[in-house]
Amino acid sequence: MIKNVENMDDFKKELKDAGDKLVVVDFTATWCGPCKMIGPYFGQLSENPEFSNVVFLKVDVDEADDVSVFCGIKCMPTFQFFRKGERVSIHCTAKAEIDTESLKQSCNVSERKIRNICF
């Protein structure tokens, strides 16, 4: 299940409520072609039992611009992974897929470690 984040208060609450779980945030826009292509794939990941311990969030950069500015979004689609309220990974891609291996690795991240992966 993907939860929509409407503003900074929602975003902070979702990160807090996630506790130790990995949080994957999809920064998207309705007018973004690559975002439209990857959206269904992101939805499939959120329904995958292998990632049942992951929280999936979607942020429309136009609707929740406070969140996108706070997270430093410069291009879309961008995916940021958080654990315990801290960003652990950044993925920007124009491909219609998300690297599931990176997602699996991030599920096992124990220390704060920011990685920038653009593919």
PDB file of N, CA and C in Angstrom:
ATOM      1  N   MET A   1       0.841  -1.181   0.000  1.00  0.00           N
ATOM      2  CA  MET A   1       0.000   0.000   0.000  1.00  0.00           C
ATOM      3  C   MET A   1       0.886   1.245   0.000  1.00  0.00           C
ATOM      4  N   ILE A   2       0.509   2.202  -0.804  1.00  0.00           N
ATOM      5  CA  ILE A   2       1.231   3.469  -0.875  1.00  0.00           C
ATOM      6  C   ILE A   2       0.401   4.532  -0.167  1.00  0.00           C
ATOM      7  N   LYS A   3       1.057   5.265   0.727  1.00  0.00           N
ATOM      8  CA  LYS A   3       0.381   6.365   1.420  1.00  0.00           C
ATOM      9  C   LYS A   3       0.785   7.679   0.760  1.00  0.00           C
ATOM     10  N   ASN A   4      -0.194   8.541   0.506  1.00  0.00           N
ATOM     11  CA  ASN A   4       0.079   9.858  -0.060  1.00  0.00           C
ATOM     12  C   ASN A   4       0.395  10.847   1.050  1.00  0.00           C
ATOM     13  N   VAL A   5       1.459  11.605   0.848  1.00  0.00           N
ATOM     14  CA  VAL A   5       1.879  12.629   1.804  1.00  0.00           C
ATOM     15  C   VAL A   5       1.442  13.977   1.251  1.00  0.00           C
ATOM     16  N   GLU A   6       0.684  14.730   2.044  1.00  0.00           N
ATOM     17  CA  GLU A   6       0.140  15.994   1.567  1.00  0.00           C
ATOM     18  C   GLU A   6       0.909  17.217   2.033  1.00  0.00           C
ATOM     19  N   ASN A   7       1.664  17.084   3.129  1.00  0.00           N
ATOM     20  CA  ASN A   7       2.408  18.233   3.647  1.00  0.00           C
ATOM     21  C   ASN A   7       3.503  17.760   4.605  1.00  0.00           C
ATOM     22  N   MET A   8       4.263  18.690   5.116  1.00  0.00           N
ATOM     23  CA  MET A   8       5.393  18.364   5.979  1.00  0.00           C
ATOM     24  C   MET A   8       4.960  17.674   7.266  1.00  0.00           C
ATOM     25  N   ASP A   9       3.830  18.064   7.819  1.00  0.00           N
ATOM     26  CA  ASP A   9       3.341  17.395   9.031  1.00  0.00           C
ATOM     27  C   ASP A   9       3.066  15.918   8.765  1.00  0.00           C
ATOM     28  N   ASP A  10       2.417  15.625   7.627  1.00  0.00           N
ATOM     29  CA  ASP A  10       2.178  14.225   7.239  1.00  0.00           C
ATOM     30  C   ASP A  10       3.495  13.474   7.103  1.00  0.00           C
ATOM     31  N   PHE A  11       4.451  14.104   6.431  1.00  0.00           N
ATOM     32  CA  PHE A  11       5.743  13.474   6.171  1.00  0.00           C
ATOM     33  C   PHE A  11       6.451  13.117   7.478  1.00  0.00           C
ATOM     34  N   LYS A  12       6.534  14.078   8.381  1.00  0.00           N
ATOM     35  CA  LYS A  12       7.195  13.831   9.671  1.00  0.00           C
ATOM     36  C   LYS A  12       6.473  12.741  10.459  1.00  0.00           C
ATOM     37  N   LYS A  13       5.147  12.746  10.422  1.00  0.00           N
ATOM     38  CA  LYS A  13       4.372  11.732  11.139  1.00  0.00           C
ATOM     39  C   LYS A  13       4.640  10.342  10.569  1.00  0.00           C
ATOM     40  N   GLU A  14       4.646  10.228   9.248  1.00  0.00           N
ATOM     41  CA  GLU A  14       4.892   8.924   8.614  1.00  0.00           C
ATOM     42  C   GLU A  14       6.285   8.403   8.956  1.00  0.00           C
ATOM     43  N   LEU A  15       7.286   9.278   8.930  1.00  0.00           N
ATOM     44  CA  LEU A  15       8.644   8.850   9.282  1.00  0.00           C
ATOM     45  C   LEU A  15       8.708   8.396  10.737  1.00  0.00           C
ATOM     46  N   LYS A  16       8.051   9.146  11.617  1.00  0.00           N
ATOM     47  CA  LYS A  16       8.053   8.787  13.041  1.00  0.00           C
ATOM     48  C   LYS A  16       7.310   7.473  13.268  1.00  0.00           C
ATOM     49  N   ASP A  17       6.135   7.348  12.662  1.00  0.00           N
ATOM     50  CA  ASP A  17       5.318   6.143  12.844  1.00  0.00           C
ATOM     51  C   ASP A  17       5.991   4.886  12.287  1.00  0.00           C
ATOM     52  N   ALA A  18       6.881   5.056  11.317  1.00  0.00           N
ATOM     53  CA  ALA A  18       7.556   3.907  10.706  1.00  0.00           C
ATOM     54  C   ALA A  18       8.552   3.253  11.657  1.00  0.00           C
ATOM     55  N   GLY A  19       9.018   4.000  12.647  1.00  0.00           N
ATOM     56  CA  GLY A  19       9.973   3.436  13.605  1.00  0.00           C
ATOM     57  C   GLY A  19      11.232   2.950  12.922  1.00  0.00           C
ATOM     58  N   ASP A  20      11.554   1.661  13.081  1.00  0.00           N
ATOM     59  CA  ASP A  20      12.761   1.069  12.501  1.00  0.00           C
ATOM     60  C   ASP A  20      12.570   0.602  11.060  1.00  0.00           C
ATOM     61  N   LYS A  21      11.347   0.672  10.554  1.00  0.00           N
ATOM     62  CA  LYS A  21      11.088   0.199   9.188  1.00  0.00           C
ATOM     63  C   LYS A  21      11.731   1.129   8.160  1.00  0.00           C
ATOM     64  N   LEU A  22      12.093   0.551   7.028  1.00  0.00           N
ATOM     65  CA  LEU A  22      12.567   1.342   5.905  1.00  0.00           C
ATOM     66  C   LEU A  22      11.375   2.076   5.301  1.00  0.00           C
ATOM     67  N   VAL A  23      11.571   3.350   4.948  1.00  0.00           N
ATOM     68  CA  VAL A  23      10.539   4.150   4.292  1.00  0.00           C
ATOM     69  C   VAL A  23      11.065   4.535   2.909  1.00  0.00           C
ATOM     70  N   VAL A  24      10.311   4.197   1.872  1.00  0.00           N
ATOM     71  CA  VAL A  24      10.678   4.553   0.503  1.00  0.00           C
ATOM     72  C   VAL A  24       9.714   5.634   0.041  1.00  0.00           C
ATOM     73  N   VAL A  25      10.273   6.790  -0.346  1.00  0.00           N
ATOM     74  CA  VAL A  25       9.451   7.928  -0.749  1.00  0.00           C
ATOM     75  C   VAL A  25       9.633   8.178  -2.244  1.00  0.00           C
ATOM     76  N   ASP A  26       8.528   8.170  -2.965  1.00  0.00           N
ATOM     77  CA  ASP A  26       8.500   8.458  -4.397  1.00  0.00           C
ATOM     78  C   ASP A  26       8.105   9.916  -4.570  1.00  0.00           C
ATOM     79  N   PHE A  27       9.047  10.741  -5.064  1.00  0.00           N
ATOM     80  CA  PHE A  27       8.759  12.140  -5.361  1.00  0.00           C
ATOM     81  C   PHE A  27       8.358  12.206  -6.830  1.00  0.00           C
ATOM     82  N   THR A  28       7.145  12.668  -7.084  1.00  0.00           N
ATOM     83  CA  THR A  28       6.551  12.570  -8.410  1.00  0.00           C
ATOM     84  C   THR A  28       5.762  13.832  -8.743  1.00  0.00           C
ATOM     85  N   ALA A  29       5.280  13.907  -9.981  1.00  0.00           N
ATOM     86  CA  ALA A  29       4.393  14.993 -10.410  1.00  0.00           C
ATOM     87  C   ALA A  29       3.447  14.441 -11.471  1.00  0.00           C
ATOM     88  N   THR A  30       2.257  14.979 -11.516  1.00  0.00           N
ATOM     89  CA  THR A  30       1.255  14.486 -12.462  1.00  0.00           C
ATOM     90  C   THR A  30       1.663  14.730 -13.909  1.00  0.00           C
ATOM     91  N   TRP A  31       2.466  15.750 -14.161  1.00  0.00           N
ATOM     92  CA  TRP A  31       2.879  16.105 -15.515  1.00  0.00           C
ATOM     93  C   TRP A  31       4.180  15.420 -15.951  1.00  0.00           C
ATOM     94  N   CYS A  32       4.797  14.645 -15.084  1.00  0.00           N
ATOM     95  CA  CYS A  32       6.101  14.016 -15.339  1.00  0.00           C
ATOM     96  C   CYS A  32       5.923  12.675 -16.057  1.00  0.00           C
ATOM     97  N   GLY A  33       6.363  12.604 -17.317  1.00  0.00           N
ATOM     98  CA  GLY A  33       6.232  11.379 -18.103  1.00  0.00           C
ATOM     99  C   GLY A  33       6.907  10.167 -17.472  1.00  0.00           C
ATOM    100  N   PRO A  34       8.202  10.271 -17.112  1.00  0.00           N
ATOM    101  CA  PRO A  34       8.862   9.129 -16.473  1.00  0.00           C
ATOM    102  C   PRO A  34       8.190   8.718 -15.158  1.00  0.00           C
ATOM    103  N   CYS A  35       7.641   9.688 -14.436  1.00  0.00           N
ATOM    104  CA  CYS A  35       6.931   9.372 -13.183  1.00  0.00           C
ATOM    105  C   CYS A  35       5.701   8.514 -13.475  1.00  0.00           C
ATOM    106  N   LYS A  36       4.998   8.848 -14.553  1.00  0.00           N
ATOM    107  CA  LYS A  36       3.816   8.071 -14.938  1.00  0.00           C
ATOM    108  C   LYS A  36       4.196   6.648 -15.325  1.00  0.00           C
ATOM    109  N   MET A  37       5.373   6.507 -15.944  1.00  0.00           N
ATOM    110  CA  MET A  37       5.821   5.180 -16.360  1.00  0.00           C
ATOM    111  C   MET A  37       6.215   4.316 -15.167  1.00  0.00           C
ATOM    112  N   ILE A  38       6.850   4.910 -14.176  1.00  0.00           N
ATOM    113  CA  ILE A  38       7.360   4.127 -13.049  1.00  0.00           C
ATOM    114  C   ILE A  38       6.310   3.936 -11.954  1.00  0.00           C
ATOM    115  N   GLY A  39       5.265   4.751 -11.961  1.00  0.00           N
ATOM    116  CA  GLY A  39       4.222   4.672 -10.934  1.00  0.00           C
ATOM    117  C   GLY A  39       3.641   3.286 -10.722  1.00  0.00           C
ATOM    118  N   PRO A  40       3.223   2.597 -11.795  1.00  0.00           N
ATOM    119  CA  PRO A  40       2.665   1.247 -11.611  1.00  0.00           C
ATOM    120  C   PRO A  40       3.679   0.264 -11.017  1.00  0.00           C
ATOM    121  N   TYR A  41       4.926   0.393 -11.405  1.00  0.00           N
ATOM    122  CA  TYR A  41       5.962  -0.490 -10.877  1.00  0.00           C
ATOM    123  C   TYR A  41       6.155  -0.247  -9.374  1.00  0.00           C
ATOM    124  N   PHE A  42       6.129   1.028  -8.971  1.00  0.00           N
ATOM    125  CA  PHE A  42       6.235   1.378  -7.553  1.00  0.00           C
ATOM    126  C   PHE A  42       5.067   0.764  -6.782  1.00  0.00           C
ATOM    127  N   GLY A  43       3.882   0.810  -7.387  1.00  0.00           N
ATOM    128  CA  GLY A  43       2.709   0.192  -6.773  1.00  0.00           C
ATOM    129  C   GLY A  43       2.872  -1.306  -6.596  1.00  0.00           C
ATOM    130  N   GLN A  44       3.445  -1.974  -7.602  1.00  0.00           N
ATOM    131  CA  GLN A  44       3.694  -3.415  -7.509  1.00  0.00           C
ATOM    132  C   GLN A  44       4.679  -3.729  -6.385  1.00  0.00           C
ATOM    133  N   LEU A  45       5.723  -2.914  -6.271  1.00  0.00           N
ATOM    134  CA  LEU A  45       6.690  -3.129  -5.183  1.00  0.00           C
ATOM    135  C   LEU A  45       6.011  -3.027  -3.823  1.00  0.00           C
ATOM    136  N   SER A  46       5.111  -2.054  -3.696  1.00  0.00           N
ATOM    137  CA  SER A  46       4.448  -1.845  -2.403  1.00  0.00           C
ATOM    138  C   SER A  46       3.557  -3.024  -2.025  1.00  0.00           C
ATOM    139  N   GLU A  47       3.117  -3.795  -3.017  1.00  0.00           N
ATOM    140  CA  GLU A  47       2.263  -4.959  -2.776  1.00  0.00           C
ATOM    141  C   GLU A  47       3.059  -6.264  -2.671  1.00  0.00           C
ATOM    142  N   ASN A  48       4.353  -6.208  -2.944  1.00  0.00           N
ATOM    143  CA  ASN A  48       5.207  -7.394  -2.923  1.00  0.00           C
ATOM    144  C   ASN A  48       5.423  -7.860  -1.484  1.00  0.00           C
ATOM    145  N   PRO A  49       5.074  -9.104  -1.156  1.00  0.00           N
ATOM    146  CA  PRO A  49       5.246  -9.611   0.211  1.00  0.00           C
ATOM    147  C   PRO A  49       6.691  -9.540   0.709  1.00  0.00           C
ATOM    148  N   GLU A  50       7.648  -9.569  -0.215  1.00  0.00           N
ATOM    149  CA  GLU A  50       9.060  -9.479   0.160  1.00  0.00           C
ATOM    150  C   GLU A  50       9.370  -8.143   0.841  1.00  0.00           C
ATOM    151  N   PHE A  51       8.567  -7.117   0.531  1.00  0.00           N
ATOM    152  CA  PHE A  51       8.777  -5.790   1.099  1.00  0.00           C
ATOM    153  C   PHE A  51       7.643  -5.388   2.046  1.00  0.00           C
ATOM    154  N   SER A  52       7.049  -6.363   2.714  1.00  0.00           N
ATOM    155  CA  SER A  52       5.930  -6.082   3.621  1.00  0.00           C
ATOM    156  C   SER A  52       6.356  -5.268   4.840  1.00  0.00           C
ATOM    157  N   ASN A  53       7.648  -5.251   5.139  1.00  0.00           N
ATOM    158  CA  ASN A  53       8.147  -4.484   6.281  1.00  0.00           C
ATOM    159  C   ASN A  53       8.637  -3.100   5.860  1.00  0.00           C
ATOM    160  N   VAL A  54       8.317  -2.681   4.635  1.00  0.00           N
ATOM    161  CA  VAL A  54       8.724  -1.380   4.106  1.00  0.00           C
ATOM    162  C   VAL A  54       7.495  -0.485   4.002  1.00  0.00           C
ATOM    163  N   VAL A  55       7.650   0.787   4.358  1.00  0.00           N
ATOM    164  CA  VAL A  55       6.579   1.777   4.221  1.00  0.00           C
ATOM    165  C   VAL A  55       6.812   2.524   2.907  1.00  0.00           C
ATOM    166  N   PHE A  56       5.798   2.575   2.056  1.00  0.00           N
ATOM    167  CA  PHE A  56       5.890   3.250   0.763  1.00  0.00           C
ATOM    168  C   PHE A  56       5.071   4.538   0.810  1.00  0.00           C
ATOM    169  N   LEU A  57       5.725   5.661   0.499  1.00  0.00           N
ATOM    170  CA  LEU A  57       5.066   6.966   0.487  1.00  0.00           C
ATOM    171  C   LEU A  57       5.200   7.596  -0.890  1.00  0.00           C
ATOM    172  N   LYS A  58       4.211   8.406  -1.244  1.00  0.00           N
ATOM    173  CA  LYS A  58       4.257   9.156  -2.498  1.00  0.00           C
ATOM    174  C   LYS A  58       4.066  10.632  -2.174  1.00  0.00           C
ATOM    175  N   VAL A  59       4.938  11.466  -2.748  1.00  0.00           N
ATOM    176  CA  VAL A  59       4.867  12.909  -2.550  1.00  0.00           C
ATOM    177  C   VAL A  59       4.744  13.575  -3.914  1.00  0.00           C
ATOM    178  N   ASP A  60       3.636  14.269  -4.145  1.00  0.00           N
ATOM    179  CA  ASP A  60       3.482  15.082  -5.350  1.00  0.00           C
ATOM    180  C   ASP A  60       4.215  16.394  -5.081  1.00  0.00           C
ATOM    181  N   VAL A  61       5.257  16.667  -5.873  1.00  0.00           N
ATOM    182  CA  VAL A  61       6.113  17.821  -5.591  1.00  0.00           C
ATOM    183  C   VAL A  61       5.384  19.152  -5.739  1.00  0.00           C
ATOM    184  N   ASP A  62       4.308  19.178  -6.509  1.00  0.00           N
ATOM    185  CA  ASP A  62       3.532  20.407  -6.659  1.00  0.00           C
ATOM    186  C   ASP A  62       2.560  20.604  -5.503  1.00  0.00           C
ATOM    187  N   GLU A  63       1.998  19.503  -5.010  1.00  0.00           N
ATOM    188  CA  GLU A  63       1.029  19.571  -3.916  1.00  0.00           C
ATOM    189  C   GLU A  63       1.708  19.708  -2.553  1.00  0.00           C
ATOM    190  N   ALA A  64       2.836  19.049  -2.384  1.00  0.00           N
ATOM    191  CA  ALA A  64       3.567  19.070  -1.106  1.00  0.00           C
ATOM    192  C   ALA A  64       4.953  19.656  -1.344  1.00  0.00           C
ATOM    193  N   ASP A  65       4.969  20.883  -1.859  1.00  0.00           N
ATOM    194  CA  ASP A  65       6.248  21.501  -2.201  1.00  0.00           C
ATOM    195  C   ASP A  65       7.136  21.728  -0.984  1.00  0.00           C
ATOM    196  N   ASP A  66       6.534  21.860   0.205  1.00  0.00           N
ATOM    197  CA  ASP A  66       7.348  22.017   1.412  1.00  0.00           C
ATOM    198  C   ASP A  66       8.195  20.769   1.663  1.00  0.00           C
ATOM    199  N   VAL A  67       7.642  19.600   1.385  1.00  0.00           N
ATOM    200  CA  VAL A  67       8.369  18.341   1.574  1.00  0.00           C
ATOM    201  C   VAL A  67       9.461  18.205   0.518  1.00  0.00           C
ATOM    202  N   SER A  68       9.129  18.517  -0.734  1.00  0.00           N
ATOM    203  CA  SER A  68      10.123  18.377  -1.802  1.00  0.00           C
ATOM    204  C   SER A  68      11.285  19.353  -1.619  1.00  0.00           C
ATOM    205  N   VAL A  69      11.010  20.555  -1.144  1.00  0.00           N
ATOM    206  CA  VAL A  69      12.086  21.514  -0.865  1.00  0.00           C
ATOM    207  C   VAL A  69      12.932  21.013   0.303  1.00  0.00           C
ATOM    208  N   PHE A  70      12.291  20.557   1.359  1.00  0.00           N
ATOM    209  CA  PHE A  70      13.000  20.038   2.532  1.00  0.00           C
ATOM    210  C   PHE A  70      13.928  18.883   2.156  1.00  0.00           C
ATOM    211  N   CYS A  71      13.474  18.028   1.242  1.00  0.00           N
ATOM    212  CA  CYS A  71      14.252  16.846   0.840  1.00  0.00           C
ATOM    213  C   CYS A  71      15.216  17.133  -0.307  1.00  0.00           C
ATOM    214  N   GLY A  72      15.220  18.378  -0.803  1.00  0.00           N
ATOM    215  CA  GLY A  72      16.180  18.770  -1.830  1.00  0.00           C
ATOM    216  C   GLY A  72      15.942  18.145  -3.192  1.00  0.00           C
ATOM    217  N   ILE A  73      14.689  17.973  -3.562  1.00  0.00           N
ATOM    218  CA  ILE A  73      14.366  17.333  -4.837  1.00  0.00           C
ATOM    219  C   ILE A  73      14.689  18.279  -5.989  1.00  0.00           C
ATOM    220  N   LYS A  74      15.510  17.785  -6.909  1.00  0.00           N
ATOM    221  CA  LYS A  74      15.931  18.580  -8.069  1.00  0.00           C
ATOM    222  C   LYS A  74      15.401  18.012  -9.384  1.00  0.00           C
ATOM    223  N   CYS A  75      15.090  16.714  -9.396  1.00  0.00           N
ATOM    224  CA  CYS A  75      14.576  16.077 -10.608  1.00  0.00           C
ATOM    225  C   CYS A  75      13.607  14.972 -10.204  1.00  0.00           C
ATOM    226  N   MET A  76      12.835  14.534 -11.178  1.00  0.00           N
ATOM    227  CA  MET A  76      11.878  13.464 -10.917  1.00  0.00           C
ATOM    228  C   MET A  76      11.918  12.469 -12.059  1.00  0.00           C
ATOM    229  N   PRO A  77      11.599  11.237 -11.751  1.00  0.00           N
ATOM    230  CA  PRO A  77      11.298  10.735 -10.409  1.00  0.00           C
ATOM    231  C   PRO A  77      12.557  10.573  -9.562  1.00  0.00           C
ATOM    232  N   THR A  78      12.407  10.846  -8.285  1.00  0.00           N
ATOM    233  CA  THR A  78      13.457  10.615  -7.296  1.00  0.00           C
ATOM    234  C   THR A  78      12.857   9.779  -6.182  1.00  0.00           C
ATOM    235  N   PHE A  79      13.627   8.817  -5.734  1.00  0.00           N
ATOM    236  CA  PHE A  79      13.226   7.961  -4.618  1.00  0.00           C
ATOM    237  C   PHE A  79      14.231   8.151  -3.501  1.00  0.00           C
ATOM    238  N   GLN A  80      13.735   8.446  -2.312  1.00  0.00           N
ATOM    239  CA  GLN A  80      14.602   8.566  -1.148  1.00  0.00           C
ATOM    240  C   GLN A  80      14.186   7.515  -0.138  1.00  0.00           C
ATOM    241  N   PHE A  81      15.187   6.871   0.454  1.00  0.00           N
ATOM    242  CA  PHE A  81      14.962   5.846   1.464  1.00  0.00           C
ATOM    243  C   PHE A  81      15.333   6.433   2.815  1.00  0.00           C
ATOM    244  N   PHE A  82      14.467   6.212   3.800  1.00  0.00           N
ATOM    245  CA  PHE A  82      14.683   6.706   5.159  1.00  0.00           C
ATOM    246  C   PHE A  82      14.600   5.545   6.140  1.00  0.00           C
ATOM    247  N   ARG A  83      15.359   5.660   7.201  1.00  0.00           N
ATOM    248  CA  ARG A  83      15.247   4.722   8.322  1.00  0.00           C
ATOM    249  C   ARG A  83      15.462   5.535   9.601  1.00  0.00           C
ATOM    250  N   LYS A  84      14.573   5.318  10.568  1.00  0.00           N
ATOM    251  CA  LYS A  84      14.621   6.047  11.841  1.00  0.00           C
ATOM    252  C   LYS A  84      14.644   7.562  11.609  1.00  0.00           C
ATOM    253  N   GLY A  85      13.899   8.006  10.600  1.00  0.00           N
ATOM    254  CA  GLY A  85      13.766   9.430  10.325  1.00  0.00           C
ATOM    255  C   GLY A  85      14.917  10.049   9.565  1.00  0.00           C
ATOM    256  N   GLU A  86      15.943   9.270   9.222  1.00  0.00           N
ATOM    257  CA  GLU A  86      17.104   9.810   8.517  1.00  0.00           C
ATOM    258  C   GLU A  86      17.224   9.206   7.130  1.00  0.00           C
ATOM    259  N   ARG A  87      17.605  10.054   6.182  1.00  0.00           N
ATOM    260  CA  ARG A  87      17.779   9.586   4.809  1.00  0.00           C
ATOM    261  C   ARG A  87      18.997   8.670   4.743  1.00  0.00           C
ATOM    262  N   VAL A  88      18.810   7.500   4.131  1.00  0.00           N
ATOM    263  CA  VAL A  88      19.914   6.545   3.993  1.00  0.00           C
ATOM    264  C   VAL A  88      20.296   6.320   2.537  1.00  0.00           C
ATOM    265  N   SER A  89      19.451   6.755   1.605  1.00  0.00           N
ATOM    266  CA  SER A  89      19.756   6.508   0.201  1.00  0.00           C
ATOM    267  C   SER A  89      18.916   7.408  -0.690  1.00  0.00           C
ATOM    268  N   ILE A  90      19.503   7.780  -1.831  1.00  0.00           N
ATOM    269  CA  ILE A  90      18.809   8.596  -2.826  1.00  0.00           C
ATOM    270  C   ILE A  90      18.954   7.902  -4.172  1.00  0.00           C
ATOM    271  N   HIS A  91      17.847   7.739  -4.871  1.00  0.00           N
ATOM    272  CA  HIS A  91      17.856   7.107  -6.185  1.00  0.00           C
ATOM    273  C   HIS A  91      17.105   7.996  -7.159  1.00  0.00           C
ATOM    274  N   CYS A  92      17.755   8.391  -8.231  1.00  0.00           N
ATOM    275  CA  CYS A  92      17.051   9.134  -9.274  1.00  0.00           C
ATOM    276  C   CYS A  92      17.152   8.328 -10.558  1.00  0.00           C
ATOM    277  N   THR A  93      16.031   8.165 -11.222  1.00  0.00           N
ATOM    278  CA  THR A  93      16.006   7.323 -12.414  1.00  0.00           C
ATOM    279  C   THR A  93      14.933   7.779 -13.381  1.00  0.00           C
ATOM    280  N   ALA A  94      15.203   7.605 -14.651  1.00  0.00           N
ATOM    281  CA  ALA A  94      14.190   7.860 -15.670  1.00  0.00           C
ATOM    282  C   ALA A  94      13.709   6.542 -16.260  1.00  0.00           C
ATOM    283  N   LYS A  95      14.269   5.432 -15.778  1.00  0.00           N
ATOM    284  CA  LYS A  95      13.842   4.114 -16.241  1.00  0.00           C
ATOM    285  C   LYS A  95      12.504   3.765 -15.597  1.00  0.00           C
ATOM    286  N   ALA A  96      11.766   2.924 -16.254  1.00  0.00           N
ATOM    287  CA  ALA A  96      10.468   2.497 -15.721  1.00  0.00           C
ATOM    288  C   ALA A  96      10.648   1.313 -14.789  1.00  0.00           C
ATOM    289  N   GLU A  97      11.597   1.426 -13.887  1.00  0.00           N
ATOM    290  CA  GLU A  97      11.820   0.375 -12.893  1.00  0.00           C
ATOM    291  C   GLU A  97      12.629   0.939 -11.732  1.00  0.00           C
ATOM    292  N   ILE A  98      12.563   0.258 -10.634  1.00  0.00           N
ATOM    293  CA  ILE A  98      13.368   0.596  -9.466  1.00  0.00           C
ATOM    294  C   ILE A  98      14.283  -0.592  -9.235  1.00  0.00           C
ATOM    295  N   ASP A  99      15.523  -0.323  -8.926  1.00  0.00           N
ATOM    296  CA  ASP A  99      16.492  -1.387  -8.680  1.00  0.00           C
ATOM    297  C   ASP A  99      16.122  -2.113  -7.387  1.00  0.00           C
ATOM    298  N   THR A 100      15.483  -3.274  -7.514  1.00  0.00           N
ATOM    299  CA  THR A 100      15.025  -3.994  -6.321  1.00  0.00           C
ATOM    300  C   THR A 100      16.190  -4.481  -5.476  1.00  0.00           C
ATOM    301  N   GLU A 101      17.340  -4.684  -6.090  1.00  0.00           N
ATOM    302  CA  GLU A 101      18.517  -5.091  -5.310  1.00  0.00           C
ATOM    303  C   GLU A 101      18.925  -3.974  -4.350  1.00  0.00           C
ATOM    304  N   SER A 102      18.876  -2.721  -4.817  1.00  0.00           N
ATOM    305  CA  SER A 102      19.165  -1.583  -3.938  1.00  0.00           C
ATOM    306  C   SER A 102      18.149  -1.500  -2.812  1.00  0.00           C
ATOM    307  N   LEU A 103      16.894  -1.786  -3.131  1.00  0.00           N
ATOM    308  CA  LEU A 103      15.853  -1.773  -2.107  1.00  0.00           C
ATOM    309  C   LEU A 103      16.131  -2.848  -1.065  1.00  0.00           C
ATOM    310  N   LYS A 104      16.498  -4.037  -1.522  1.00  0.00           N
ATOM    311  CA  LYS A 104      16.819  -5.122  -0.587  1.00  0.00           C
ATOM    312  C   LYS A 104      18.006  -4.748   0.294  1.00  0.00           C
ATOM    313  N   GLN A 105      19.038  -4.160  -0.319  1.00  0.00           N
ATOM    314  CA  GLN A 105      20.209  -3.750   0.455  1.00  0.00           C
ATOM    315  C   GLN A 105      19.835  -2.684   1.476  1.00  0.00           C
ATOM    316  N   SER A 106      19.007  -1.733   1.067  1.00  0.00           N
ATOM    317  CA  SER A 106      18.611  -0.660   1.979  1.00  0.00           C
ATOM    318  C   SER A 106      17.765  -1.177   3.129  1.00  0.00           C
ATOM    319  N   CYS A 107      17.057  -2.270   2.916  1.00  0.00           N
ATOM    320  CA  CYS A 107      16.279  -2.872   3.999  1.00  0.00           C
ATOM    321  C   CYS A 107      17.193  -3.346   5.120  1.00  0.00           C
ATOM    322  N   ASN A 108      18.456  -3.569   4.793  1.00  0.00           N
ATOM    323  CA  ASN A 108      19.414  -4.065   5.777  1.00  0.00           C
ATOM    324  C   ASN A 108      20.364  -2.988   6.282  1.00  0.00           C
ATOM    325  N   VAL A 109      20.137  -1.728   5.905  1.00  0.00           N
ATOM    326  CA  VAL A 109      21.017  -0.649   6.352  1.00  0.00           C
ATOM    327  C   VAL A 109      20.824  -0.439   7.842  1.00  0.00           C
ATOM    328  N   SER A 110      21.910  -0.464   8.595  1.00  0.00           N
ATOM    329  CA  SER A 110      21.790  -0.290  10.039  1.00  0.00           C
ATOM    330  C   SER A 110      22.356   1.048  10.501  1.00  0.00           C
ATOM    331  N   GLU A 111      23.315   1.599   9.787  1.00  0.00           N
ATOM    332  CA  GLU A 111      23.859   2.891  10.189  1.00  0.00           C
ATOM    333  C   GLU A 111      23.456   3.948   9.167  1.00  0.00           C
ATOM    334  N   ARG A 112      23.601   5.223   9.562  1.00  0.00           N
ATOM    335  CA  ARG A 112      23.257   6.312   8.647  1.00  0.00           C
ATOM    336  C   ARG A 112      24.298   6.328   7.535  1.00  0.00           C
ATOM    337  N   LYS A 113      23.830   6.166   6.318  1.00  0.00           N
ATOM    338  CA  LYS A 113      24.747   6.044   5.190  1.00  0.00           C
ATOM    339  C   LYS A 113      24.030   6.551   3.945  1.00  0.00           C
ATOM    340  N   ILE A 114      24.374   7.724   3.491  1.00  0.00           N
ATOM    341  CA  ILE A 114      23.710   8.278   2.319  1.00  0.00           C
ATOM    342  C   ILE A 114      24.469   7.842   1.073  1.00  0.00           C
ATOM    343  N   ARG A 115      23.731   7.238   0.163  1.00  0.00           N
ATOM    344  CA  ARG A 115      24.294   6.836  -1.123  1.00  0.00           C
ATOM    345  C   ARG A 115      23.489   7.520  -2.217  1.00  0.00           C
ATOM    346  N   ASN A 116      24.173   8.050  -3.172  1.00  0.00           N
ATOM    347  CA  ASN A 116      23.501   8.621  -4.338  1.00  0.00           C
ATOM    348  C   ASN A 116      23.672   7.653  -5.489  1.00  0.00           C
ATOM    349  N   ILE A 117      22.583   7.135  -5.976  1.00  0.00           N
ATOM    350  CA  ILE A 117      22.623   6.182  -7.072  1.00  0.00           C
ATOM    351  C   ILE A 117      21.745   6.722  -8.195  1.00  0.00           C
ATOM    352  N   CYS A 118      22.354   7.094  -9.273  1.00  0.00           N
ATOM    353  CA  CYS A 118      21.591   7.553 -10.437  1.00  0.00           C
ATOM    354  C   CYS A 118      21.805   6.568 -11.566  1.00  0.00           C
ATOM    355  N   PHE A 119      20.720   5.974 -12.034  1.00  0.00           N
ATOM    356  CA  PHE A 119      20.830   4.988 -13.113  1.00  0.00           C
ATOM    357  C   PHE A 119      19.798   5.264 -14.177  1.00  0.00           C
TER     358      PHE A 119
END
